[in-house]
Amino acid sequence: MFKFIKQYADNMHYAAIYPIASLIIFFAFFMALLVVVKRMRKEHVDELANMPLQ
């Protein structure tokens, strides 16, 4: 099974795009998440933290 996948990937000339694209998507997602968390108000964070206790 792995041989088939490797042969198929070797025949694709644009196969190097997929790892780079997935890395960019992964990095962009976590950077966007970091921005959202950093911009959150302290009151909202406290409200979310206390939700399981209510």
N, C-alpha and C. Protein backbone atom coordinates (compact mmCIF):
# COMPACT_ATOMS: atom_id res chain seq x y z
N MET A 1 0.82 -1.19 0.00
CA MET A 1 0.00 0.00 0.00
C MET A 1 0.87 1.26 0.00
N PHE A 2 1.91 1.25 0.83
CA PHE A 2 2.79 2.41 0.89
C PHE A 2 3.54 2.62 -0.41
N LYS A 3 3.92 1.51 -1.07
CA LYS A 3 4.61 1.63 -2.36
C LYS A 3 3.72 2.33 -3.39
N PHE A 4 2.44 1.97 -3.39
CA PHE A 4 1.51 2.59 -4.33
C PHE A 4 1.42 4.09 -4.08
N ILE A 5 1.29 4.47 -2.82
CA ILE A 5 1.19 5.89 -2.48
C ILE A 5 2.47 6.62 -2.85
N LYS A 6 3.62 6.00 -2.58
CA LYS A 6 4.89 6.64 -2.89
C LYS A 6 5.06 6.81 -4.40
N GLN A 7 4.71 5.79 -5.18
CA GLN A 7 4.80 5.91 -6.64
C GLN A 7 3.86 6.99 -7.15
N TYR A 8 2.67 7.04 -6.60
CA TYR A 8 1.70 8.05 -7.02
C TYR A 8 2.19 9.44 -6.68
N ALA A 9 2.79 9.61 -5.50
CA ALA A 9 3.30 10.91 -5.09
C ALA A 9 4.52 11.32 -5.90
N ASP A 10 5.34 10.37 -6.28
CA ASP A 10 6.52 10.69 -7.09
C ASP A 10 6.13 11.16 -8.49
N ASN A 11 5.02 10.69 -8.99
CA ASN A 11 4.58 11.09 -10.33
C ASN A 11 3.95 12.47 -10.35
N MET A 12 3.56 12.97 -9.20
CA MET A 12 2.95 14.29 -9.13
C MET A 12 4.06 15.34 -9.06
N HIS A 13 4.02 16.30 -9.95
CA HIS A 13 5.06 17.32 -10.00
C HIS A 13 4.82 18.42 -8.98
N TYR A 14 3.61 18.55 -8.50
CA TYR A 14 3.28 19.61 -7.57
C TYR A 14 3.08 19.06 -6.15
N ALA A 15 3.64 17.91 -5.84
CA ALA A 15 3.44 17.26 -4.55
C ALA A 15 4.09 18.05 -3.41
N ALA A 16 5.07 18.88 -3.69
CA ALA A 16 5.73 19.64 -2.64
C ALA A 16 4.86 20.78 -2.13
N ILE A 17 3.79 21.09 -2.83
CA ILE A 17 2.90 22.18 -2.42
C ILE A 17 2.08 21.79 -1.19
N TYR A 18 1.68 20.55 -1.09
CA TYR A 18 0.80 20.12 -0.01
C TYR A 18 1.41 20.30 1.38
N PRO A 19 2.64 19.89 1.64
CA PRO A 19 3.19 20.11 2.98
C PRO A 19 3.34 21.60 3.31
N ILE A 20 3.71 22.39 2.34
CA ILE A 20 3.87 23.83 2.58
C ILE A 20 2.50 24.47 2.84
N ALA A 21 1.51 24.09 2.07
CA ALA A 21 0.17 24.65 2.26
C ALA A 21 -0.40 24.24 3.61
N SER A 22 -0.21 23.01 4.01
CA SER A 22 -0.73 22.58 5.30
C SER A 22 -0.02 23.29 6.44
N LEU A 23 1.27 23.54 6.31
CA LEU A 23 2.00 24.28 7.34
C LEU A 23 1.51 25.71 7.44
N ILE A 24 1.25 26.34 6.31
CA ILE A 24 0.76 27.72 6.30
C ILE A 24 -0.63 27.78 6.93
N ILE A 25 -1.51 26.84 6.60
CA ILE A 25 -2.85 26.82 7.18
C ILE A 25 -2.78 26.59 8.68
N PHE A 26 -1.95 25.65 9.11
CA PHE A 26 -1.77 25.35 10.53
C PHE A 26 -1.27 26.58 11.28
N PHE A 27 -0.27 27.23 10.75
CA PHE A 27 0.32 28.41 11.39
C PHE A 27 -0.68 29.57 11.42
N ALA A 28 -1.39 29.79 10.33
CA ALA A 28 -2.36 30.88 10.27
C ALA A 28 -3.51 30.65 11.25
N PHE A 29 -3.98 29.43 11.39
CA PHE A 29 -5.05 29.12 12.32
C PHE A 29 -4.63 29.44 13.75
N PHE A 30 -3.46 29.01 14.16
CA PHE A 30 -3.04 29.25 15.53
C PHE A 30 -2.66 30.71 15.78
N MET A 31 -2.19 31.39 14.78
CA MET A 31 -1.93 32.82 14.95
C MET A 31 -3.24 33.59 15.09
N ALA A 32 -4.25 33.22 14.31
CA ALA A 32 -5.56 33.86 14.44
C ALA A 32 -6.17 33.56 15.80
N LEU A 33 -6.02 32.34 16.26
CA LEU A 33 -6.52 31.98 17.59
C LEU A 33 -5.81 32.77 18.68
N LEU A 34 -4.53 32.97 18.54
CA LEU A 34 -3.77 33.76 19.51
C LEU A 34 -4.26 35.20 19.52
N VAL A 35 -4.52 35.77 18.37
CA VAL A 35 -5.01 37.15 18.29
C VAL A 35 -6.38 37.27 18.96
N VAL A 36 -7.26 36.31 18.71
CA VAL A 36 -8.60 36.34 19.32
C VAL A 36 -8.50 36.25 20.84
N VAL A 37 -7.66 35.37 21.33
CA VAL A 37 -7.52 35.20 22.78
C VAL A 37 -6.89 36.44 23.42
N LYS A 38 -5.91 37.01 22.78
CA LYS A 38 -5.26 38.21 23.33
C LYS A 38 -6.20 39.41 23.36
N ARG A 39 -7.14 39.50 22.42
CA ARG A 39 -8.04 40.65 22.35
C ARG A 39 -9.28 40.48 23.23
N MET A 40 -9.43 39.30 23.85
CA MET A 40 -10.59 39.04 24.69
C MET A 40 -10.56 39.90 25.95
N ARG A 41 -11.73 40.40 26.33
CA ARG A 41 -11.82 41.20 27.55
C ARG A 41 -11.66 40.31 28.78
N LYS A 42 -11.11 40.89 29.83
CA LYS A 42 -10.89 40.15 31.07
C LYS A 42 -12.21 39.67 31.67
N GLU A 43 -13.26 40.48 31.57
CA GLU A 43 -14.56 40.10 32.12
C GLU A 43 -15.12 38.86 31.41
N HIS A 44 -14.93 38.82 30.11
CA HIS A 44 -15.42 37.67 29.33
C HIS A 44 -14.65 36.40 29.70
N VAL A 45 -13.35 36.54 29.90
CA VAL A 45 -12.52 35.40 30.29
C VAL A 45 -12.96 34.89 31.66
N ASP A 46 -13.22 35.80 32.60
CA ASP A 46 -13.68 35.39 33.93
C ASP A 46 -15.05 34.71 33.86
N GLU A 47 -15.92 35.22 33.01
CA GLU A 47 -17.24 34.62 32.84
C GLU A 47 -17.12 33.19 32.29
N LEU A 48 -16.25 33.01 31.30
CA LEU A 48 -16.05 31.66 30.73
C LEU A 48 -15.39 30.73 31.74
N ALA A 49 -14.50 31.26 32.56
CA ALA A 49 -13.82 30.43 33.55
C ALA A 49 -14.78 29.95 34.63
N ASN A 50 -15.80 30.75 34.95
CA ASN A 50 -16.74 30.39 36.01
C ASN A 50 -17.93 29.57 35.53
N MET A 51 -18.05 29.36 34.24
CA MET A 51 -19.20 28.61 33.70
C MET A 51 -19.32 27.20 34.26
N PRO A 52 -18.23 26.42 34.38
CA PRO A 52 -18.40 25.06 34.92
C PRO A 52 -18.84 25.05 36.38
N LEU A 53 -18.58 26.10 37.12
CA LEU A 53 -18.90 26.14 38.54
C LEU A 53 -20.34 26.57 38.80
N GLN A 54 -20.99 27.14 37.82
CA GLN A 54 -22.34 27.66 38.03
C GLN A 54 -23.38 26.57 37.86
